[in-house]
């Protein structure tokens, strides 16, 4: 089963400013499947307070967990423009091609975000889709999610 690339509308969501305060971030609602579990499942965010496996279907659907994490400093709004500047594709160890989704023209590694990533990112695919991720990084179609600690 192949996973689709993220829609362009999602890329627009990612352009929110990284320095935004809680009042300017639209956290959405609590209509997702993983609400009130103490971790943010919204793919627009990253950090120690976010879920390991992230899915584009949960965007804007875990408001309480994400807002609490954001206000506590454990969840950060992902900023595509900042990440693009901070990501140096030549310095990244992309790993190998052992993922079940390797060579499907989408990066399945959850360390990355952007138009070149798959809709669902699983921790088990971390460092296991090297060819797709390296090519898409070089093309500027994806960036490191946790670019601030890179």
Foldseek 3Di string as FASTA:
>chain_A
DAFDFDDPVVVVVLQPDQPDDLVPDQLAEQQDPDEPPQADQAPQKDFQRHDQKHANVCHRRHRVNQSVCVVVVGITGFHLVVQLVLADLVPDQLAEAQDPHAPVLAQQAVQKDFRRHGRIHHPVCHSHRRPNVSVCSVVVRMGGRPSVVD
